[in-house]
Structures are given as C-alpha cells and as structure tokens.
Amino acid sequence: MGLAQYAIVPVQDEWGVLHDGNVNGKYVTKESAFESAVAAASLALRQGHEVHVSVPGREPGESALGN
C-alpha cells in the first residue's frame, strides 16, 4: 500500500490539514485540526497504508492548543 501523510499547517489565523497537496478544513485550534487528521489517518491505516501525522511545536506566545 501507499503512504498517507497529514500535516497540521497554519492558515492565516486558523489551522488546516495538508494532505495530498491540498489544505483541508479550517480549524480554530491546532488540536481540532489534529483530531481531524487522526480520524482520516485511522481510516488510511485500516486500508493498509503507512501513516505519518505531523504537528508543529508551539511558537513563543502561542497557547498549547494553538489558538
């Protein structure tokens, strides 16, 4: 099977999930984007894919949830 990669990325003042070259969704918090990515990754895993999920660390002054 293939490789399914999901990356949490900043989108202006929100967060999105980068997958297959497209940014999907607009999430208020980094955590909510992560939860969405993990749900998609779970499906990919069940289909037999290798899965990678990445989330950037906290920037100075940013809350733990990225909002």
C-alpha atoms as a PDB file:
ATOM      1  CA  MET A   1       0.000   0.000   0.000  1.00  0.00           C
ATOM      2  CA  GLY A   2       0.940   3.669  -0.106  1.00  0.00           C
ATOM      3  CA  LEU A   3       1.943   6.356   2.313  1.00  0.00           C
ATOM      4  CA  ALA A   4      -0.698   8.697   3.752  1.00  0.00           C
ATOM      5  CA  GLN A   5       0.793  11.919   5.148  1.00  0.00           C
ATOM      6  CA  TYR A   6      -1.105  14.520   7.150  1.00  0.00           C
ATOM      7  CA  ALA A   7       0.464  17.787   8.304  1.00  0.00           C
ATOM      8  CA  ILE A   8      -1.161  20.387  10.516  1.00  0.00           C
ATOM      9  CA  VAL A   9      -0.409  23.787   8.960  1.00  0.00           C
ATOM     10  CA  PRO A  10      -1.243  27.404   9.812  1.00  0.00           C
ATOM     11  CA  VAL A  11      -3.810  29.047   7.518  1.00  0.00           C
ATOM     12  CA  GLN A  12      -3.931  32.774   8.289  1.00  0.00           C
ATOM     13  CA  ASP A  13      -5.247  32.851  11.877  1.00  0.00           C
ATOM     14  CA  GLU A  14      -6.578  29.272  11.781  1.00  0.00           C
ATOM     15  CA  TRP A  15      -5.274  25.746  11.128  1.00  0.00           C
ATOM     16  CA  GLY A  16      -5.670  23.264   8.294  1.00  0.00           C
ATOM     17  CA  VAL A  17      -4.705  19.702   7.393  1.00  0.00           C
ATOM     18  CA  LEU A  18      -2.331  19.307   4.444  1.00  0.00           C
ATOM     19  CA  HIS A  19      -2.913  16.004   2.632  1.00  0.00           C
ATOM     20  CA  ASP A  20      -2.095  15.106  -0.977  1.00  0.00           C
ATOM     21  CA  GLY A  21      -1.052  18.694  -1.725  1.00  0.00           C
ATOM     22  CA  ASN A  22      -4.349  20.213  -0.572  1.00  0.00           C
ATOM     23  CA  VAL A  23      -5.146  22.018   2.664  1.00  0.00           C
ATOM     24  CA  ASN A  24      -8.456  20.737   4.001  1.00  0.00           C
ATOM     25  CA  GLY A  25     -10.668  22.333   6.616  1.00  0.00           C
ATOM     26  CA  LYS A  26     -10.350  25.471   8.685  1.00  0.00           C
ATOM     27  CA  TYR A  27      -9.972  24.839  12.387  1.00  0.00           C
ATOM     28  CA  VAL A  28      -9.854  27.361  15.229  1.00  0.00           C
ATOM     29  CA  THR A  29      -7.318  25.308  17.198  1.00  0.00           C
ATOM     30  CA  LYS A  30      -4.326  23.185  16.305  1.00  0.00           C
ATOM     31  CA  GLU A  31      -5.846  20.443  18.462  1.00  0.00           C
ATOM     32  CA  SER A  32      -9.074  20.304  16.442  1.00  0.00           C
ATOM     33  CA  ALA A  33      -7.078  20.090  13.199  1.00  0.00           C
ATOM     34  CA  PHE A  34      -5.035  17.268  14.746  1.00  0.00           C
ATOM     35  CA  GLU A  35      -8.170  15.367  15.752  1.00  0.00           C
ATOM     36  CA  SER A  36      -9.490  15.630  12.196  1.00  0.00           C
ATOM     37  CA  ALA A  37      -6.173  14.432  10.751  1.00  0.00           C
ATOM     38  CA  VAL A  38      -6.037  11.473  13.124  1.00  0.00           C
ATOM     39  CA  ALA A  39      -9.559  10.417  12.144  1.00  0.00           C
ATOM     40  CA  ALA A  40      -8.534  10.429   8.467  1.00  0.00           C
ATOM     41  CA  ALA A  41      -5.254   8.675   9.319  1.00  0.00           C
ATOM     42  CA  SER A  42      -7.159   5.961  11.163  1.00  0.00           C
ATOM     43  CA  LEU A  43      -9.139   5.179   8.021  1.00  0.00           C
ATOM     44  CA  ALA A  44      -5.958   5.119   5.922  1.00  0.00           C
ATOM     45  CA  LEU A  45      -4.364   2.768   8.445  1.00  0.00           C
ATOM     46  CA  ARG A  46      -7.324   0.386   8.209  1.00  0.00           C
ATOM     47  CA  GLN A  47      -6.876   0.420   4.435  1.00  0.00           C
ATOM     48  CA  GLY A  48      -3.294  -0.757   4.872  1.00  0.00           C
ATOM     49  CA  HIS A  49      -1.373   2.474   4.288  1.00  0.00           C
ATOM     50  CA  GLU A  50       1.693   3.621   6.185  1.00  0.00           C
ATOM     51  CA  VAL A  51       0.638   6.798   8.031  1.00  0.00           C
ATOM     52  CA  HIS A  52       2.581   9.918   9.084  1.00  0.00           C
ATOM     53  CA  VAL A  53       0.994  12.774  11.055  1.00  0.00           C
ATOM     54  CA  SER A  54       2.987  15.914  11.860  1.00  0.00           C
ATOM     55  CA  VAL A  55       2.122  18.877  14.057  1.00  0.00           C
ATOM     56  CA  PRO A  56       4.318  21.943  14.543  1.00  0.00           C
ATOM     57  CA  GLY A  57       5.503  22.800  18.033  1.00  0.00           C
ATOM     58  CA  ARG A  58       4.252  25.780  19.963  1.00  0.00           C
ATOM     59  CA  GLU A  59       5.543  29.192  18.931  1.00  0.00           C
ATOM     60  CA  PRO A  60       6.511  31.777  21.568  1.00  0.00           C
ATOM     61  CA  GLY A  61       3.350  33.422  22.879  1.00  0.00           C
ATOM     62  CA  GLU A  62       1.075  30.746  21.418  1.00  0.00           C
ATOM     63  CA  SER A  63      -1.252  28.743  23.669  1.00  0.00           C
ATOM     64  CA  ALA A  64      -0.795  24.988  23.952  1.00  0.00           C
ATOM     65  CA  LEU A  65      -3.799  24.469  21.653  1.00  0.00           C
ATOM     66  CA  GLY A  66      -2.527  26.851  19.008  1.00  0.00           C
ATOM     67  CA  ASN A  67      -5.280  29.413  19.245  1.00  0.00           C
END
